[in-house]
């Protein structure tokens, strides 16, 4: 695991961009798992601004989405709003039967990655599942909300993972991440042979 502590969110964006450029080349990557949410938004805005050539022709696989209630498809809409120049390269999450070459992941407040929630078997590849109370509260979802997601069974098969952790409120869970190995989904990422972690605290 390569842990990089960044002083500013701008540094997070810069290092995330350079990681992507480097791994696309070194891994000869043609596809990237992408998350929605606050964590990657600044990176996506940067890509929209500079239109990096290394992203041309690459497929972006949506890693999760909400599939019930009034917020159904909210992450798909997020990508349409934040990566409009790449909408033709974005693959909507429908069957969940692929493995991307690379993965960019955020860190859920309860230790989830994508919608692979704590308590779900660590070899879970993809599918529909009920969301945790923490996830529903964070996203202002209905009490019976469900998600569709790729899980660790898929994410750990990628060639390289970039794990981005931002926000002081995630520090306690990140400290657990550093100490533990398999007690919650994000901790299992440490078993990957090429994991880079960016933090801003």
Protein backbone atom coordinates (compact mmCIF):
# COMPACT_ATOMS: atom_id res chain seq x y z
CA UNK A 1 0.00 0.00 0.00
CA UNK A 2 1.28 3.43 -0.95
CA UNK A 3 -0.15 6.02 1.46
CA UNK A 4 0.15 9.64 0.35
CA UNK A 5 -0.86 12.45 2.70
CA UNK A 6 -1.93 15.58 0.84
CA UNK A 7 -2.01 19.07 2.31
CA UNK A 8 -4.87 20.41 0.19
CA UNK A 9 -7.74 19.11 -1.90
CA UNK A 10 -6.02 20.55 -4.96
CA UNK A 11 -3.11 18.24 -4.24
CA UNK A 12 -5.54 15.32 -4.01
CA UNK A 13 -6.81 16.18 -7.49
CA UNK A 14 -3.30 16.57 -8.90
CA UNK A 15 -2.07 13.28 -7.50
CA UNK A 16 -5.23 11.43 -8.51
CA UNK A 17 -4.86 12.72 -12.06
CA UNK A 18 -1.19 11.71 -12.22
CA UNK A 19 -2.02 8.28 -10.80
CA UNK A 20 -4.60 7.74 -13.52
CA UNK A 21 -2.23 8.85 -16.25
CA UNK A 22 0.53 6.60 -14.93
CA UNK A 23 -1.62 3.50 -14.41
CA UNK A 24 -3.45 3.82 -17.73
CA UNK A 25 -0.04 3.64 -19.40
CA UNK A 26 1.70 1.06 -17.20
CA UNK A 27 -1.31 -1.27 -17.01
CA UNK A 28 -2.38 -0.65 -20.61
CA UNK A 29 -5.78 0.02 -19.10
CA UNK A 30 -8.86 0.30 -21.28
CA UNK A 31 -11.48 0.60 -18.54
CA UNK A 32 -11.86 2.31 -15.15
CA UNK A 33 -14.38 1.79 -12.34
CA UNK A 34 -15.62 5.25 -11.31
CA UNK A 35 -17.51 6.30 -8.16
CA UNK A 36 -20.08 9.05 -7.80
CA UNK A 37 -20.27 11.49 -4.88
CA UNK A 38 -18.37 14.39 -3.39
CA UNK A 39 -14.97 12.66 -3.33
CA UNK A 40 -14.26 12.52 -7.10
CA UNK A 41 -16.14 15.66 -8.16
CA UNK A 42 -13.12 17.99 -8.24
CA UNK A 43 -11.15 15.42 -10.26
CA UNK A 44 -13.96 15.10 -12.77
CA UNK A 45 -14.22 18.87 -13.11
CA UNK A 46 -10.48 18.98 -13.78
CA UNK A 47 -10.85 16.35 -16.49
CA UNK A 48 -13.66 18.33 -18.05
CA UNK A 49 -11.41 21.39 -18.10
CA UNK A 50 -8.25 19.87 -19.58
CA UNK A 51 -9.65 16.88 -21.54
CA UNK A 52 -6.62 14.59 -20.95
CA UNK A 53 -5.64 12.59 -23.99
CA UNK A 54 -4.95 9.43 -21.98
CA UNK A 55 -8.69 9.12 -21.29
CA UNK A 56 -9.63 9.08 -24.96
CA UNK A 57 -11.37 5.84 -25.88
CA UNK A 58 -11.37 4.47 -22.35
CA UNK A 59 -14.51 2.92 -20.91
CA UNK A 60 -15.82 4.19 -17.58
CA UNK A 61 -17.78 1.65 -15.56
CA UNK A 62 -20.23 3.07 -13.06
CA UNK A 63 -19.49 1.29 -9.80
CA UNK A 64 -22.87 1.67 -8.06
CA UNK A 65 -26.28 3.34 -8.10
CA UNK A 66 -29.56 3.68 -6.24
CA UNK A 67 -32.28 1.50 -7.80
CA UNK A 68 -35.41 2.29 -5.77
CA UNK A 69 -37.53 5.29 -4.85
CA UNK A 70 -37.46 8.84 -6.12
CA UNK A 71 -33.65 8.86 -6.19
CA UNK A 72 -33.41 5.89 -8.53
CA UNK A 73 -30.56 6.44 -10.98
CA UNK A 74 -29.13 9.41 -9.05
CA UNK A 75 -25.52 8.37 -9.66
CA UNK A 76 -26.10 8.00 -13.39
CA UNK A 77 -27.40 11.57 -13.40
CA UNK A 78 -24.37 12.63 -11.36
CA UNK A 79 -22.05 11.37 -14.09
CA UNK A 80 -24.09 13.06 -16.80
CA UNK A 81 -23.78 16.34 -14.90
CA UNK A 82 -20.11 16.05 -13.90
CA UNK A 83 -18.56 14.24 -16.87
CA UNK A 84 -20.70 15.38 -19.83
CA UNK A 85 -17.77 15.23 -22.27
CA UNK A 86 -17.34 11.53 -21.51
CA UNK A 87 -20.96 10.39 -21.49
CA UNK A 88 -20.41 8.27 -24.60
CA UNK A 89 -17.63 6.43 -22.73
CA UNK A 90 -19.67 5.78 -19.58
CA UNK A 91 -21.15 2.33 -19.20
CA UNK A 92 -24.32 2.27 -17.17
CA UNK A 93 -24.41 -0.25 -14.35
CA UNK A 94 -26.99 -2.84 -15.38
CA UNK A 95 -25.70 -6.39 -15.21
CA UNK A 96 -22.55 -5.89 -13.13
CA UNK A 97 -20.70 -8.69 -14.90
CA UNK A 98 -17.41 -7.01 -15.82
CA UNK A 99 -14.08 -6.22 -14.20
CA UNK A 100 -12.42 -2.92 -15.10
CA UNK A 101 -8.66 -2.60 -15.42
CA UNK A 102 -8.44 0.17 -12.79
CA UNK A 103 -10.62 1.42 -9.95
CA UNK A 104 -11.03 4.80 -8.31
CA UNK A 105 -12.88 4.46 -5.02
CA UNK A 106 -14.16 6.67 -2.24
CA UNK A 107 -14.52 5.78 1.45
CA UNK A 108 -17.92 5.44 3.06
CA UNK A 109 -18.36 6.80 6.57
CA UNK A 110 -19.05 3.26 7.86
CA UNK A 111 -16.22 1.66 5.89
CA UNK A 112 -18.09 0.70 2.76
CA UNK A 113 -16.68 0.93 -0.77
CA UNK A 114 -19.14 1.48 -3.60
CA UNK A 115 -22.30 0.05 -1.96
CA UNK A 116 -20.48 -2.99 -0.58
CA UNK A 117 -21.75 -2.46 2.94
CA UNK A 118 -20.33 -3.94 6.16
CA UNK A 119 -21.71 -7.42 6.76
CA UNK A 120 -21.84 -8.36 3.08
CA UNK A 121 -19.56 -11.34 2.25
CA UNK A 122 -16.14 -10.10 1.19
CA UNK A 123 -16.22 -12.13 -2.04
CA UNK A 124 -19.47 -10.44 -3.17
CA UNK A 125 -18.98 -9.61 -6.87
CA UNK A 126 -22.04 -7.57 -7.80
CA UNK A 127 -25.78 -7.37 -7.27
CA UNK A 128 -28.66 -5.65 -5.53
CA UNK A 129 -28.71 -5.15 -1.78
CA UNK A 130 -30.41 -3.08 0.94
CA UNK A 131 -28.43 -0.02 1.95
CA UNK A 132 -27.15 0.66 5.45
CA UNK A 133 -28.67 3.30 7.69
CA UNK A 134 -25.49 5.37 7.31
CA UNK A 135 -25.66 5.29 3.52
CA UNK A 136 -29.35 6.16 3.47
CA UNK A 137 -28.83 9.07 5.86
CA UNK A 138 -25.85 10.43 3.93
CA UNK A 139 -27.76 10.33 0.63
CA UNK A 140 -31.17 11.34 2.09
CA UNK A 141 -32.78 8.14 0.81
CA UNK A 142 -36.00 6.39 1.76
CA UNK A 143 -35.93 3.91 4.63
CA UNK A 144 -36.27 0.91 2.30
CA UNK A 145 -33.72 2.05 -0.31
CA UNK A 146 -31.74 -0.52 -2.30
CA UNK A 147 -28.61 -0.21 -4.35
CA UNK A 148 -26.94 -2.02 -7.23
CA UNK A 149 -23.20 -2.28 -6.89
CA UNK A 150 -19.95 -3.95 -7.72
CA UNK A 151 -18.35 -5.47 -4.64
CA UNK A 152 -14.89 -6.47 -3.47
CA UNK A 153 -15.11 -9.65 -5.53
CA UNK A 154 -14.88 -7.45 -8.62
CA UNK A 155 -12.85 -4.52 -7.31
CA UNK A 156 -9.97 -6.67 -6.06
CA UNK A 157 -9.58 -8.19 -9.52
CA UNK A 158 -8.51 -4.85 -11.01
CA UNK A 159 -4.87 -4.20 -11.87
CA UNK A 160 -4.60 -1.12 -9.63
CA UNK A 161 -6.80 0.77 -7.15
CA UNK A 162 -6.80 4.43 -6.15
CA UNK A 163 -8.53 4.91 -2.78
CA UNK A 164 -9.37 8.53 -1.94
CA UNK A 165 -10.23 9.51 1.64
CA UNK A 166 -11.24 13.11 2.30
CA UNK A 167 -12.85 14.89 5.22
CA UNK A 168 -12.04 14.99 8.91
CA UNK A 169 -15.18 13.00 9.79
CA UNK A 170 -13.64 9.96 8.12
CA UNK A 171 -10.48 10.03 10.24
CA UNK A 172 -11.72 7.56 12.93
CA UNK A 173 -12.74 4.98 10.34
CA UNK A 174 -9.51 5.54 8.43
CA UNK A 175 -7.53 4.83 11.59
CA UNK A 176 -9.39 1.52 11.78
CA UNK A 177 -8.58 0.94 8.12
CA UNK A 178 -4.88 1.30 8.88
CA UNK A 179 -4.96 -1.13 11.81
CA UNK A 180 -7.38 -3.81 10.63
CA UNK A 181 -7.38 -6.14 7.65
CA UNK A 182 -10.76 -7.77 7.11
CA UNK A 183 -13.37 -6.45 9.54
CA UNK A 184 -15.09 -4.11 7.07
CA UNK A 185 -15.05 -3.77 3.27
CA UNK A 186 -12.51 -0.95 2.82
CA UNK A 187 -9.95 -2.71 5.03
CA UNK A 188 -9.87 -5.61 2.57
CA UNK A 189 -8.49 -3.30 -0.11
CA UNK A 190 -5.12 -3.56 1.62
CA UNK A 191 -4.76 -7.06 0.23
CA UNK A 192 -4.53 -5.66 -3.30
CA UNK A 193 -1.08 -5.78 -4.89
CA UNK A 194 -1.28 -2.19 -6.23
CA UNK A 195 -3.20 0.09 -3.85
CA UNK A 196 -2.57 3.82 -3.61
CA UNK A 197 -4.32 5.78 -0.85
CA UNK A 198 -4.71 9.56 -0.89
CA UNK A 199 -5.80 11.37 2.29
CA UNK A 200 -6.19 15.07 3.09
CA UNK A 201 -5.78 14.97 6.89
